[in-house]
Amino acid sequence: MSATSVLRLAVLSLALGPANIMAQQEPPADPPPGWEPTAIDYSNVPYPHPVHYMNVRLMGLDHRMAYMDVAPTGEANGRTVVLFHGMNFFAAAFAPTISALADAGFRVIAVDRLGYGRSSKPLIHYNLHMPARNTKALLDELGLERAAIVGHSMGGMVATRFASTYPDVTSHVVMVNQIGLTDTRPGRQWADPEDGYRSVLEGTTYRSVLAGHRRYYPNGWRDEYLPWVMYQYGLTLSGDWPRMARVRASQRRILFEDPVVHEWQYIGTKALVIGGSEDRLVRNYPAAARNVAEQLQNAELVLFPGAGHSPHFEIPDEFHAELIRFLRSDPDEPADQGWR
């Protein structure tokens, strides 16, 4: 391990010591009074920056893909970063990351994939090729020839697919607590999509949504996490919930039907595998993350001891410092291999 890697790991360990853990809080056991339905187009959900739309033609139908395009607030460095959100979030959840990157001089594009946030919610059979292709079309429309691609959770799967499909467009690729780190198909039979739909439609409650979000934070709950529960649970209060349940069920099937585990070995783009080591969504995340980094041709590995699935929420300062360090690096220089 290189001296720089040893120093960085020591700093991360100190940052996550007991003094940095906030006092324990508890979320409400039931949805607070006054929570309203979340509109299927998220028109009543605040976004931190103006939202733009790109027309998308898919399977003979017209849709719109929403995105934020945020200019640098610090001294511009001429680089662009694309952010892909996870299954239970949408582009607005990247507000702290957008601010950190913009302050560091990056132009930031945060995308709502089809089926999420303010983008259209088509009733289609979803896959990872769609957001990769749509985002490439967006970059073309904006006149951007190259960008760094960052994805969190399921967004990490999208980042993998984008980097493997468009290597010449991808300057850096970052996988933040990516899921889908194994191929779950062997020994598992195919299930009727209608069963998945009924499970989402009838099984999504405030407590189920809350339990899912609590898994992200091994160091305990903070009140600042509750809005993301409110927006997700609020979908079930809308008259459009049956449609949204079908969309979510189809998105869930991506994990089984469209794995990316066979693509890492072909990605030569400078890569960063980064995340909280106590991720409860992945069995033995440190080992799984190391496996990804070893398969990538040119990767760094950074793990935050004690943090969970969403380090950009839990430890934003430490996470953004590492992210910016990597994105500032020369894409044509080899990645730091000190973790090996």
C-alpha atoms as a PDB file:
ATOM      1  CA  MET A   1       0.000   0.000   0.000  1.00  0.00           C
ATOM      2  CA  SER A   2       1.415   3.410  -0.954  1.00  0.00           C
ATOM      3  CA  ALA A   3       2.204   6.092   1.621  1.00  0.00           C
ATOM      4  CA  THR A   4      -0.616   8.286   0.286  1.00  0.00           C
ATOM      5  CA  SER A   5      -3.111   5.425   0.618  1.00  0.00           C
ATOM      6  CA  VAL A   6      -2.013   4.691   4.194  1.00  0.00           C
ATOM      7  CA  LEU A   7      -2.359   8.359   5.131  1.00  0.00           C
ATOM      8  CA  ARG A   8      -5.787   8.639   3.473  1.00  0.00           C
ATOM      9  CA  LEU A   9      -7.056   5.519   5.251  1.00  0.00           C
ATOM     10  CA  ALA A  10      -5.819   6.864   8.583  1.00  0.00           C
ATOM     11  CA  VAL A  11      -7.602  10.159   8.025  1.00  0.00           C
ATOM     12  CA  LEU A  12     -10.837   8.360   7.115  1.00  0.00           C
ATOM     13  CA  SER A  13     -10.639   6.190  10.220  1.00  0.00           C
ATOM     14  CA  LEU A  14     -10.134   9.211  12.469  1.00  0.00           C
ATOM     15  CA  ALA A  15     -12.987  11.080  10.799  1.00  0.00           C
ATOM     16  CA  LEU A  16     -15.355   8.252  11.623  1.00  0.00           C
ATOM     17  CA  GLY A  17     -14.347   7.930  15.264  1.00  0.00           C
ATOM     18  CA  PRO A  18     -16.828   8.208  18.156  1.00  0.00           C
ATOM     19  CA  ALA A  19     -16.541  12.005  18.314  1.00  0.00           C
ATOM     20  CA  ASN A  20     -17.966  12.251  14.803  1.00  0.00           C
ATOM     21  CA  ILE A  21     -21.091  10.176  15.466  1.00  0.00           C
ATOM     22  CA  MET A  22     -24.142  12.336  16.157  1.00  0.00           C
ATOM     23  CA  ALA A  23     -26.526  11.673  19.014  1.00  0.00           C
ATOM     24  CA  GLN A  24     -29.057   8.919  18.352  1.00  0.00           C
ATOM     25  CA  GLN A  25     -32.473  10.018  17.105  1.00  0.00           C
ATOM     26  CA  GLU A  26     -35.574   7.963  16.400  1.00  0.00           C
ATOM     27  CA  PRO A  27     -37.947   8.415  13.449  1.00  0.00           C
ATOM     28  CA  PRO A  28     -41.701   8.554  14.087  1.00  0.00           C
ATOM     29  CA  ALA A  29     -43.310   5.131  14.371  1.00  0.00           C
ATOM     30  CA  ASP A  30     -46.172   6.259  12.129  1.00  0.00           C
ATOM     31  CA  PRO A  31     -46.358   8.825   9.328  1.00  0.00           C
ATOM     32  CA  PRO A  32     -46.583  12.319  10.826  1.00  0.00           C
ATOM     33  CA  PRO A  33     -49.892  14.154  10.373  1.00  0.00           C
ATOM     34  CA  GLY A  34     -49.954  16.505   7.447  1.00  0.00           C
ATOM     35  CA  TRP A  35     -47.926  14.390   5.046  1.00  0.00           C
ATOM     36  CA  GLU A  36     -49.373  14.804   1.576  1.00  0.00           C
ATOM     37  CA  PRO A  37     -49.368  12.551  -1.491  1.00  0.00           C
ATOM     38  CA  THR A  38     -46.288  12.792  -3.670  1.00  0.00           C
ATOM     39  CA  ALA A  39     -47.370  13.726  -7.195  1.00  0.00           C
ATOM     40  CA  ILE A  40     -46.337  11.125  -9.737  1.00  0.00           C
ATOM     41  CA  ASP A  41     -44.451  13.842 -11.633  1.00  0.00           C
ATOM     42  CA  TYR A  42     -42.859  15.104  -8.375  1.00  0.00           C
ATOM     43  CA  SER A  43     -44.227  18.569  -9.147  1.00  0.00           C
ATOM     44  CA  ASN A  44     -44.795  19.134  -5.409  1.00  0.00           C
ATOM     45  CA  VAL A  45     -41.284  17.972  -4.463  1.00  0.00           C
ATOM     46  CA  PRO A  46     -38.636  20.723  -4.192  1.00  0.00           C
ATOM     47  CA  TYR A  47     -35.484  20.523  -6.309  1.00  0.00           C
ATOM     48  CA  PRO A  48     -32.358  22.497  -5.411  1.00  0.00           C
ATOM     49  CA  HIS A  49     -31.807  23.824  -8.942  1.00  0.00           C
ATOM     50  CA  PRO A  50     -33.927  24.510 -12.047  1.00  0.00           C
ATOM     51  CA  VAL A  51     -35.146  21.383 -13.815  1.00  0.00           C
ATOM     52  CA  HIS A  52     -34.798  20.975 -17.562  1.00  0.00           C
ATOM     53  CA  TYR A  53     -36.259  18.340 -19.862  1.00  0.00           C
ATOM     54  CA  MET A  54     -35.065  16.371 -22.859  1.00  0.00           C
ATOM     55  CA  ASN A  55     -37.526  14.677 -25.195  1.00  0.00           C
ATOM     56  CA  VAL A  56     -37.032  10.913 -25.388  1.00  0.00           C
ATOM     57  CA  ARG A  57     -38.539   8.696 -28.077  1.00  0.00           C
ATOM     58  CA  LEU A  58     -38.792   5.120 -26.836  1.00  0.00           C
ATOM     59  CA  MET A  59     -40.696   2.196 -28.301  1.00  0.00           C
ATOM     60  CA  GLY A  60     -42.735   4.514 -30.499  1.00  0.00           C
ATOM     61  CA  LEU A  61     -43.833   6.783 -27.642  1.00  0.00           C
ATOM     62  CA  ASP A  62     -42.685  10.215 -26.524  1.00  0.00           C
ATOM     63  CA  HIS A  63     -41.381  10.814 -22.995  1.00  0.00           C
ATOM     64  CA  ARG A  64     -39.392  13.447 -21.134  1.00  0.00           C
ATOM     65  CA  MET A  65     -36.212  12.972 -19.104  1.00  0.00           C
ATOM     66  CA  ALA A  66     -35.694  15.553 -16.349  1.00  0.00           C
ATOM     67  CA  TYR A  67     -32.275  16.789 -15.314  1.00  0.00           C
ATOM     68  CA  MET A  68     -30.503  19.606 -13.496  1.00  0.00           C
ATOM     69  CA  ASP A  69     -27.577  21.302 -15.216  1.00  0.00           C
ATOM     70  CA  VAL A  70     -25.614  23.249 -12.615  1.00  0.00           C
ATOM     71  CA  ALA A  71     -22.781  25.591 -13.539  1.00  0.00           C
ATOM     72  CA  PRO A  72     -19.610  25.799 -11.424  1.00  0.00           C
ATOM     73  CA  THR A  73     -19.801  28.170  -8.477  1.00  0.00           C
ATOM     74  CA  GLY A  74     -16.062  27.932  -7.826  1.00  0.00           C
ATOM     75  CA  GLU A  75     -13.341  28.579 -10.391  1.00  0.00           C
ATOM     76  CA  ALA A  76     -14.395  26.528 -13.435  1.00  0.00           C
ATOM     77  CA  ASN A  77     -12.090  23.629 -14.301  1.00  0.00           C
ATOM     78  CA  GLY A  78     -13.709  22.755 -17.636  1.00  0.00           C
ATOM     79  CA  ARG A  79     -14.904  19.327 -16.476  1.00  0.00           C
ATOM     80  CA  THR A  80     -18.419  17.899 -16.255  1.00  0.00           C
ATOM     81  CA  VAL A  81     -19.790  15.295 -13.845  1.00  0.00           C
ATOM     82  CA  VAL A  82     -22.976  13.265 -14.420  1.00  0.00           C
ATOM     83  CA  LEU A  83     -24.779  11.902 -11.338  1.00  0.00           C
ATOM     84  CA  PHE A  84     -27.012   8.795 -11.344  1.00  0.00           C
ATOM     85  CA  HIS A  85     -29.289   8.236  -8.308  1.00  0.00           C
ATOM     86  CA  GLY A  86     -30.346   4.959  -6.709  1.00  0.00           C
ATOM     87  CA  MET A  87     -33.620   3.030  -6.631  1.00  0.00           C
ATOM     88  CA  ASN A  88     -35.214   4.844  -3.681  1.00  0.00           C
ATOM     89  CA  PHE A  89     -34.028   8.354  -4.532  1.00  0.00           C
ATOM     90  CA  PHE A  90     -34.049  10.859  -7.380  1.00  0.00           C
ATOM     91  CA  ALA A  91     -31.761  13.605  -8.648  1.00  0.00           C
ATOM     92  CA  ALA A  92     -32.670  16.154  -5.947  1.00  0.00           C
ATOM     93  CA  ALA A  93     -31.170  13.875  -3.292  1.00  0.00           C
ATOM     94  CA  PHE A  94     -27.755  14.758  -4.695  1.00  0.00           C
ATOM     95  CA  ALA A  95     -28.089  18.385  -3.505  1.00  0.00           C
ATOM     96  CA  PRO A  96     -25.064  18.243  -1.142  1.00  0.00           C
ATOM     97  CA  THR A  97     -22.931  16.494  -3.778  1.00  0.00           C
ATOM     98  CA  ILE A  98     -23.961  18.974  -6.466  1.00  0.00           C
ATOM     99  CA  SER A  99     -22.955  21.862  -4.196  1.00  0.00           C
ATOM    100  CA  ALA A 100     -19.603  20.292  -3.307  1.00  0.00           C
ATOM    101  CA  LEU A 101     -18.746  19.564  -6.942  1.00  0.00           C
ATOM    102  CA  ALA A 102     -19.912  22.959  -8.216  1.00  0.00           C
ATOM    103  CA  ASP A 103     -17.868  24.693  -5.513  1.00  0.00           C
ATOM    104  CA  ALA A 104     -14.861  22.674  -6.706  1.00  0.00           C
ATOM    105  CA  GLY A 105     -15.316  24.015 -10.237  1.00  0.00           C
ATOM    106  CA  PHE A 106     -17.233  21.207 -11.930  1.00  0.00           C
ATOM    107  CA  ARG A 107     -20.303  21.528 -14.104  1.00  0.00           C
ATOM    108  CA  VAL A 108     -22.808  19.032 -12.692  1.00  0.00           C
ATOM    109  CA  ILE A 109     -25.631  17.236 -14.479  1.00  0.00           C
ATOM    110  CA  ALA A 110     -27.972  15.258 -12.216  1.00  0.00           C
ATOM    111  CA  VAL A 111     -30.419  13.051 -14.109  1.00  0.00           C
ATOM    112  CA  ASP A 112     -33.840  11.700 -13.147  1.00  0.00           C
ATOM    113  CA  ARG A 113     -33.919   8.416 -15.019  1.00  0.00           C
ATOM    114  CA  LEU A 114     -37.182   7.476 -16.708  1.00  0.00           C
ATOM    115  CA  GLY A 115     -39.492   6.142 -14.001  1.00  0.00           C
ATOM    116  CA  TYR A 116     -38.119   8.476 -11.315  1.00  0.00           C
ATOM    117  CA  GLY A 117     -38.546  12.003 -10.030  1.00  0.00           C
ATOM    118  CA  ARG A 118     -39.808  14.496 -12.582  1.00  0.00           C
ATOM    119  CA  SER A 119     -39.138  12.267 -15.585  1.00  0.00           C
ATOM    120  CA  SER A 120     -41.912  10.382 -17.371  1.00  0.00           C
ATOM    121  CA  LYS A 121     -43.167   7.146 -15.829  1.00  0.00           C
ATOM    122  CA  PRO A 122     -43.736   4.856 -18.841  1.00  0.00           C
ATOM    123  CA  LEU A 123     -45.144   1.374 -18.282  1.00  0.00           C
ATOM    124  CA  ILE A 124     -42.337  -0.495 -20.028  1.00  0.00           C
ATOM    125  CA  HIS A 125     -39.866  -3.305 -19.411  1.00  0.00           C
ATOM    126  CA  TYR A 126     -36.941  -1.325 -17.969  1.00  0.00           C
ATOM    127  CA  ASN A 127     -33.254  -2.092 -18.407  1.00  0.00           C
ATOM    128  CA  LEU A 128     -29.916  -0.330 -17.859  1.00  0.00           C
ATOM    129  CA  HIS A 129     -29.316   0.331 -21.550  1.00  0.00           C
ATOM    130  CA  MET A 130     -32.123   2.902 -21.576  1.00  0.00           C
ATOM    131  CA  PRO A 131     -30.657   5.395 -19.081  1.00  0.00           C
ATOM    132  CA  ALA A 132     -27.194   4.920 -20.564  1.00  0.00           C
ATOM    133  CA  ARG A 133     -28.437   5.689 -24.068  1.00  0.00           C
ATOM    134  CA  ASN A 134     -30.669   8.540 -22.931  1.00  0.00           C
ATOM    135  CA  THR A 135     -27.834  10.174 -21.009  1.00  0.00           C
ATOM    136  CA  LYS A 136     -25.499   9.857 -23.981  1.00  0.00           C
ATOM    137  CA  ALA A 137     -28.181  11.610 -26.057  1.00  0.00           C
ATOM    138  CA  LEU A 138     -28.372  14.341 -23.406  1.00  0.00           C
ATOM    139  CA  LEU A 139     -24.614  14.895 -23.495  1.00  0.00           C
ATOM    140  CA  ASP A 140     -24.799  15.109 -27.291  1.00  0.00           C
ATOM    141  CA  GLU A 141     -27.632  17.631 -27.054  1.00  0.00           C
ATOM    142  CA  LEU A 142     -25.598  19.729 -24.615  1.00  0.00           C
ATOM    143  CA  GLY A 143     -22.505  19.545 -26.820  1.00  0.00           C
ATOM    144  CA  LEU A 144     -20.434  17.639 -24.251  1.00  0.00           C
ATOM    145  CA  GLU A 145     -17.920  15.176 -25.675  1.00  0.00           C
ATOM    146  CA  ARG A 146     -16.642  13.770 -22.364  1.00  0.00           C
ATOM    147  CA  ALA A 147     -17.821  13.591 -18.758  1.00  0.00           C
ATOM    148  CA  ALA A 148     -17.132  11.837 -15.483  1.00  0.00           C
ATOM    149  CA  ILE A 149     -19.896   9.412 -14.517  1.00  0.00           C
ATOM    150  CA  VAL A 150     -20.860   8.912 -10.864  1.00  0.00           C
ATOM    151  CA  GLY A 151     -23.542   6.478  -9.704  1.00  0.00           C
ATOM    152  CA  HIS A 152     -24.867   5.586  -6.253  1.00  0.00           C
ATOM    153  CA  SER A 153     -26.493   2.233  -5.418  1.00  0.00           C
ATOM    154  CA  MET A 154     -28.482   1.156  -8.511  1.00  0.00           C
ATOM    155  CA  GLY A 155     -27.073   4.297 -10.122  1.00  0.00           C
ATOM    156  CA  GLY A 156     -23.699   2.558  -9.855  1.00  0.00           C
ATOM    157  CA  MET A 157     -25.058  -0.156 -12.130  1.00  0.00           C
ATOM    158  CA  VAL A 158     -26.073   2.540 -14.612  1.00  0.00           C
ATOM    159  CA  ALA A 159     -22.593   4.060 -14.351  1.00  0.00           C
ATOM    160  CA  THR A 160     -21.083   0.646 -15.094  1.00  0.00           C
ATOM    161  CA  ARG A 161     -23.297   0.195 -18.151  1.00  0.00           C
ATOM    162  CA  PHE A 162     -22.544   3.722 -19.393  1.00  0.00           C
ATOM    163  CA  ALA A 163     -18.779   3.299 -19.010  1.00  0.00           C
ATOM    164  CA  SER A 164     -18.784  -0.076 -20.742  1.00  0.00           C
ATOM    165  CA  THR A 165     -20.964   1.196 -23.599  1.00  0.00           C
ATOM    166  CA  TYR A 166     -19.375   4.636 -24.108  1.00  0.00           C
ATOM    167  CA  PRO A 167     -15.716   4.380 -23.039  1.00  0.00           C
ATOM    168  CA  ASP A 168     -14.620   7.287 -25.227  1.00  0.00           C
ATOM    169  CA  VAL A 169     -17.191   9.584 -23.579  1.00  0.00           C
ATOM    170  CA  THR A 170     -16.317   8.581 -19.994  1.00  0.00           C
ATOM    171  CA  SER A 171     -13.323  10.362 -18.448  1.00  0.00           C
ATOM    172  CA  HIS A 172     -13.784   8.831 -14.974  1.00  0.00           C
ATOM    173  CA  VAL A 173     -16.315   6.389 -13.542  1.00  0.00           C
ATOM    174  CA  VAL A 174     -17.259   6.251  -9.855  1.00  0.00           C
ATOM    175  CA  MET A 175     -19.345   3.502  -8.232  1.00  0.00           C
ATOM    176  CA  VAL A 176     -20.669   4.580  -4.815  1.00  0.00           C
ATOM    177  CA  ASN A 177     -21.934   1.643  -2.741  1.00  0.00           C
ATOM    178  CA  GLN A 178     -23.106   0.030  -5.950  1.00  0.00           C
ATOM    179  CA  ILE A 179     -25.610  -2.810  -5.682  1.00  0.00           C
ATOM    180  CA  GLY A 180     -25.864  -5.727  -8.097  1.00  0.00           C
ATOM    181  CA  LEU A 181     -22.366  -6.914  -7.162  1.00  0.00           C
ATOM    182  CA  THR A 182     -23.229 -10.554  -7.849  1.00  0.00           C
ATOM    183  CA  ASP A 183     -25.215 -12.329 -10.541  1.00  0.00           C
ATOM    184  CA  THR A 184     -28.308 -13.564  -8.700  1.00  0.00           C
ATOM    185  CA  ARG A 185     -29.731 -15.636 -11.550  1.00  0.00           C
ATOM    186  CA  PRO A 186     -28.072 -19.041 -10.927  1.00  0.00           C
ATOM    187  CA  GLY A 187     -30.331 -21.194  -8.762  1.00  0.00           C
ATOM    188  CA  ARG A 188     -33.130 -18.642  -8.754  1.00  0.00           C
ATOM    189  CA  GLN A 189     -36.215 -19.160 -10.864  1.00  0.00           C
ATOM    190  CA  TRP A 190     -37.900 -16.467 -12.900  1.00  0.00           C
ATOM    191  CA  ALA A 191     -40.979 -14.870 -11.321  1.00  0.00           C
ATOM    192  CA  ASP A 192     -44.075 -13.514 -13.031  1.00  0.00           C
ATOM    193  CA  PRO A 193     -43.830  -9.677 -13.160  1.00  0.00           C
ATOM    194  CA  GLU A 194     -47.458  -9.510 -12.031  1.00  0.00           C
ATOM    195  CA  ASP A 195     -46.446 -11.088  -8.725  1.00  0.00           C
ATOM    196  CA  GLY A 196     -43.805  -8.415  -8.308  1.00  0.00           C
ATOM    197  CA  TYR A 197     -46.349  -5.723  -9.028  1.00  0.00           C
ATOM    198  CA  ARG A 198     -48.823  -7.052  -6.445  1.00  0.00           C
ATOM    199  CA  SER A 199     -46.007  -7.232  -3.889  1.00  0.00           C
ATOM    200  CA  VAL A 200     -45.106  -3.561  -4.416  1.00  0.00           C
ATOM    201  CA  LEU A 201     -48.725  -2.382  -4.646  1.00  0.00           C
ATOM    202  CA  GLU A 202     -49.949  -4.143  -1.510  1.00  0.00           C
ATOM    203  CA  GLY A 203     -46.756  -4.427   0.518  1.00  0.00           C
ATOM    204  CA  THR A 204     -45.479  -0.841   0.458  1.00  0.00           C
ATOM    205  CA  THR A 205     -46.331   0.889   3.741  1.00  0.00           C
ATOM    206  CA  TYR A 206     -44.828   3.690   5.794  1.00  0.00           C
ATOM    207  CA  ARG A 207     -43.087   1.168   8.003  1.00  0.00           C
ATOM    208  CA  SER A 208     -41.699  -0.847   5.091  1.00  0.00           C
ATOM    209  CA  VAL A 209     -40.322   2.296   3.440  1.00  0.00           C
ATOM    210  CA  LEU A 210     -38.872   3.512   6.744  1.00  0.00           C
ATOM    211  CA  ALA A 211     -37.256   0.122   7.432  1.00  0.00           C
ATOM    212  CA  GLY A 212     -35.609   0.241   4.022  1.00  0.00           C
ATOM    213  CA  HIS A 213     -34.113   3.658   4.683  1.00  0.00           C
ATOM    214  CA  ARG A 214     -32.974   2.779   8.197  1.00  0.00           C
ATOM    215  CA  ARG A 215     -30.805   0.033   6.736  1.00  0.00           C
ATOM    216  CA  TYR A 216     -28.686   2.706   5.056  1.00  0.00           C
ATOM    217  CA  TYR A 217     -27.405   4.181   8.324  1.00  0.00           C
ATOM    218  CA  PRO A 218     -25.530   1.873  10.727  1.00  0.00           C
ATOM    219  CA  ASN A 219     -24.652   4.836  12.959  1.00  0.00           C
ATOM    220  CA  GLY A 220     -28.264   5.624  13.717  1.00  0.00           C
ATOM    221  CA  TRP A 221     -31.055   7.810  12.467  1.00  0.00           C
ATOM    222  CA  ARG A 222     -31.048  11.561  11.881  1.00  0.00           C
ATOM    223  CA  ASP A 223     -34.112  13.714  11.298  1.00  0.00           C
ATOM    224  CA  GLU A 224     -32.583  14.969   8.040  1.00  0.00           C
ATOM    225  CA  TYR A 225     -33.169  11.532   6.510  1.00  0.00           C
ATOM    226  CA  LEU A 226     -36.958  11.642   7.001  1.00  0.00           C
ATOM    227  CA  PRO A 227     -37.899  13.690   3.890  1.00  0.00           C
ATOM    228  CA  TRP A 228     -36.674  10.878   1.630  1.00  0.00           C
ATOM    229  CA  VAL A 229     -39.042   8.505   3.438  1.00  0.00           C
ATOM    230  CA  MET A 230     -41.857  11.050   3.083  1.00  0.00           C
ATOM    231  CA  TYR A 231     -41.425  11.440  -0.681  1.00  0.00           C
ATOM    232  CA  GLN A 232     -41.260   7.686  -1.295  1.00  0.00           C
ATOM    233  CA  TYR A 233     -44.138   6.789   1.014  1.00  0.00           C
ATOM    234  CA  GLY A 234     -46.152   9.736  -0.342  1.00  0.00           C
ATOM    235  CA  LEU A 235     -46.389   7.975  -3.690  1.00  0.00           C
ATOM    236  CA  THR A 236     -48.658   5.381  -2.061  1.00  0.00           C
ATOM    237  CA  LEU A 237     -51.101   8.128  -1.024  1.00  0.00           C
ATOM    238  CA  SER A 238     -51.685   9.262  -4.596  1.00  0.00           C
ATOM    239  CA  GLY A 239     -54.371   8.080  -6.989  1.00  0.00           C
ATOM    240  CA  ASP A 240     -51.490   7.278  -9.363  1.00  0.00           C
ATOM    241  CA  TRP A 241     -50.001   4.698  -6.981  1.00  0.00           C
ATOM    242  CA  PRO A 242     -51.102   1.660  -9.052  1.00  0.00           C
ATOM    243  CA  ARG A 243     -49.185   3.042 -12.046  1.00  0.00           C
ATOM    244  CA  MET A 244     -46.189   3.969  -9.935  1.00  0.00           C
ATOM    245  CA  ALA A 245     -46.194   0.528  -8.311  1.00  0.00           C
ATOM    246  CA  ARG A 246     -45.902  -1.067 -11.755  1.00  0.00           C
ATOM    247  CA  VAL A 247     -43.002   1.219 -12.594  1.00  0.00           C
ATOM    248  CA  ARG A 248     -41.182   0.407  -9.355  1.00  0.00           C
ATOM    249  CA  ALA A 249     -41.776  -3.318  -9.777  1.00  0.00           C
ATOM    250  CA  SER A 250     -40.278  -3.181 -13.272  1.00  0.00           C
ATOM    251  CA  GLN A 251     -37.273  -1.222 -11.991  1.00  0.00           C
ATOM    252  CA  ARG A 252     -36.694  -3.833  -9.284  1.00  0.00           C
ATOM    253  CA  ARG A 253     -36.472  -6.571 -11.901  1.00  0.00           C
ATOM    254  CA  ILE A 254     -33.352  -4.974 -13.346  1.00  0.00           C
ATOM    255  CA  LEU A 255     -31.303  -6.534 -10.539  1.00  0.00           C
ATOM    256  CA  PHE A 256     -32.256 -10.046 -11.668  1.00  0.00           C
ATOM    257  CA  GLU A 257     -32.623  -9.558 -15.406  1.00  0.00           C
ATOM    258  CA  ASP A 258     -29.826  -7.124 -16.294  1.00  0.00           C
ATOM    259  CA  PRO A 259     -26.686  -7.751 -14.207  1.00  0.00           C
ATOM    260  CA  VAL A 260     -23.480  -5.806 -14.859  1.00  0.00           C
ATOM    261  CA  VAL A 261     -21.019  -8.165 -13.163  1.00  0.00           C
ATOM    262  CA  HIS A 262     -19.658  -9.376 -16.489  1.00  0.00           C
ATOM    263  CA  GLU A 263     -18.804  -5.858 -17.717  1.00  0.00           C
ATOM    264  CA  TRP A 264     -16.249  -4.636 -15.164  1.00  0.00           C
ATOM    265  CA  GLN A 265     -13.403  -6.604 -16.729  1.00  0.00           C
ATOM    266  CA  TYR A 266     -13.833  -4.702 -19.994  1.00  0.00           C
ATOM    267  CA  ILE A 267     -13.806  -1.192 -18.490  1.00  0.00           C
ATOM    268  CA  GLY A 268     -10.450   0.532 -18.927  1.00  0.00           C
ATOM    269  CA  THR A 269     -11.670   3.973 -17.866  1.00  0.00           C
ATOM    270  CA  LYS A 270     -10.071   5.313 -14.697  1.00  0.00           C
ATOM    271  CA  ALA A 271     -12.422   4.104 -11.970  1.00  0.00           C
ATOM    272  CA  LEU A 272     -13.138   4.624  -8.282  1.00  0.00           C
ATOM    273  CA  VAL A 273     -15.000   2.057  -6.195  1.00  0.00           C
ATOM    274  CA  ILE A 274     -16.004   3.910  -3.040  1.00  0.00           C
ATOM    275  CA  GLY A 275     -18.422   3.407  -0.183  1.00  0.00           C
ATOM    276  CA  GLY A 276     -19.232   2.830   3.452  1.00  0.00           C
ATOM    277  CA  SER A 277     -17.799  -0.474   4.650  1.00  0.00           C
ATOM    278  CA  GLU A 278     -20.857  -1.232   6.822  1.00  0.00           C
ATOM    279  CA  ASP A 279     -23.275  -1.356   3.887  1.00  0.00           C
ATOM    280  CA  ARG A 280     -26.182  -3.561   5.001  1.00  0.00           C
ATOM    281  CA  LEU A 281     -27.543  -3.987   1.479  1.00  0.00           C
ATOM    282  CA  VAL A 282     -24.592  -6.090   0.321  1.00  0.00           C
ATOM    283  CA  ARG A 283     -23.220  -9.170   2.039  1.00  0.00           C
ATOM    284  CA  ASN A 284     -19.634  -8.379   3.069  1.00  0.00           C
ATOM    285  CA  TYR A 285     -19.494  -5.156   1.089  1.00  0.00           C
ATOM    286  CA  PRO A 286     -15.720  -4.632   1.569  1.00  0.00           C
ATOM    287  CA  ALA A 287     -14.959  -7.979  -0.074  1.00  0.00           C
ATOM    288  CA  ALA A 288     -17.534  -7.415  -2.819  1.00  0.00           C
ATOM    289  CA  ALA A 289     -16.207  -3.912  -3.511  1.00  0.00           C
ATOM    290  CA  ARG A 290     -12.651  -5.203  -3.651  1.00  0.00           C
ATOM    291  CA  ASN A 291     -13.746  -7.825  -6.180  1.00  0.00           C
ATOM    292  CA  VAL A 292     -15.159  -5.053  -8.408  1.00  0.00           C
ATOM    293  CA  ALA A 293     -11.959  -3.021  -8.136  1.00  0.00           C
ATOM    294  CA  GLU A 294      -9.841  -6.059  -8.967  1.00  0.00           C
ATOM    295  CA  GLN A 295     -11.887  -6.798 -12.077  1.00  0.00           C
ATOM    296  CA  LEU A 296     -11.762  -3.231 -13.379  1.00  0.00           C
ATOM    297  CA  GLN A 297      -8.658  -2.564 -15.431  1.00  0.00           C
ATOM    298  CA  ASN A 298      -7.674   0.725 -13.775  1.00  0.00           C
ATOM    299  CA  ALA A 299      -9.380   1.266 -10.420  1.00  0.00           C
ATOM    300  CA  GLU A 300      -8.920   2.788  -6.982  1.00  0.00           C
ATOM    301  CA  LEU A 301     -10.705   1.479  -3.896  1.00  0.00           C
ATOM    302  CA  VAL A 302     -11.711   3.710  -0.969  1.00  0.00           C
ATOM    303  CA  LEU A 303     -13.754   2.363   1.963  1.00  0.00           C
ATOM    304  CA  PHE A 304     -15.044   4.432   4.870  1.00  0.00           C
ATOM    305  CA  PRO A 305     -14.893   2.374   8.104  1.00  0.00           C
ATOM    306  CA  GLY A 306     -18.160   2.485  10.024  1.00  0.00           C
ATOM    307  CA  ALA A 307     -20.217   4.263   7.345  1.00  0.00           C
ATOM    308  CA  GLY A 308     -23.113   2.629   5.522  1.00  0.00           C
ATOM    309  CA  HIS A 309     -24.853   2.622   2.168  1.00  0.00           C
ATOM    310  CA  SER A 310     -25.132   6.417   1.752  1.00  0.00           C
ATOM    311  CA  PRO A 311     -21.812   8.019   2.720  1.00  0.00           C
ATOM    312  CA  HIS A 312     -22.750  11.235   0.916  1.00  0.00           C
ATOM    313  CA  PHE A 313     -25.458  11.669   3.600  1.00  0.00           C
ATOM    314  CA  GLU A 314     -23.683  10.170   6.627  1.00  0.00           C
ATOM    315  CA  ILE A 315     -20.201  11.654   6.190  1.00  0.00           C
ATOM    316  CA  PRO A 316     -20.533  14.257   3.430  1.00  0.00           C
ATOM    317  CA  ASP A 317     -17.271  16.119   4.102  1.00  0.00           C
ATOM    318  CA  GLU A 318     -15.093  13.006   4.035  1.00  0.00           C
ATOM    319  CA  PHE A 319     -16.933  11.490   1.094  1.00  0.00           C
ATOM    320  CA  HIS A 320     -16.878  14.618  -1.070  1.00  0.00           C
ATOM    321  CA  ALA A 321     -13.192  15.220  -0.357  1.00  0.00           C
ATOM    322  CA  GLU A 322     -12.352  11.773  -1.742  1.00  0.00           C
ATOM    323  CA  LEU A 323     -14.720  12.133  -4.688  1.00  0.00           C
ATOM    324  CA  ILE A 324     -13.313  15.527  -5.694  1.00  0.00           C
ATOM    325  CA  ARG A 325      -9.733  14.333  -5.268  1.00  0.00           C
ATOM    326  CA  PHE A 326     -10.384  11.515  -7.699  1.00  0.00           C
ATOM    327  CA  LEU A 327     -12.367  13.558 -10.227  1.00  0.00           C
ATOM    328  CA  ARG A 328      -9.599  16.166 -10.313  1.00  0.00           C
ATOM    329  CA  SER A 329      -7.038  13.525 -11.227  1.00  0.00           C
ATOM    330  CA  ASP A 330      -5.692  13.161 -14.752  1.00  0.00           C
ATOM    331  CA  PRO A 331      -7.937  10.615 -16.514  1.00  0.00           C
ATOM    332  CA  ASP A 332      -4.971   9.424 -18.571  1.00  0.00           C
ATOM    333  CA  GLU A 333      -2.780   8.725 -15.529  1.00  0.00           C
ATOM    334  CA  PRO A 334      -3.027   5.274 -13.892  1.00  0.00           C
ATOM    335  CA  ALA A 335      -5.252   4.967 -10.839  1.00  0.00           C
ATOM    336  CA  ASP A 336      -3.592   4.675  -7.427  1.00  0.00           C
ATOM    337  CA  GLN A 337      -3.058   0.952  -6.809  1.00  0.00           C
ATOM    338  CA  GLY A 338      -1.983   1.351  -3.186  1.00  0.00           C
ATOM    339  CA  TRP A 339      -5.081  -0.530  -1.965  1.00  0.00           C
ATOM    340  CA  ARG A 340      -3.894  -3.816  -3.457  1.00  0.00           C
END
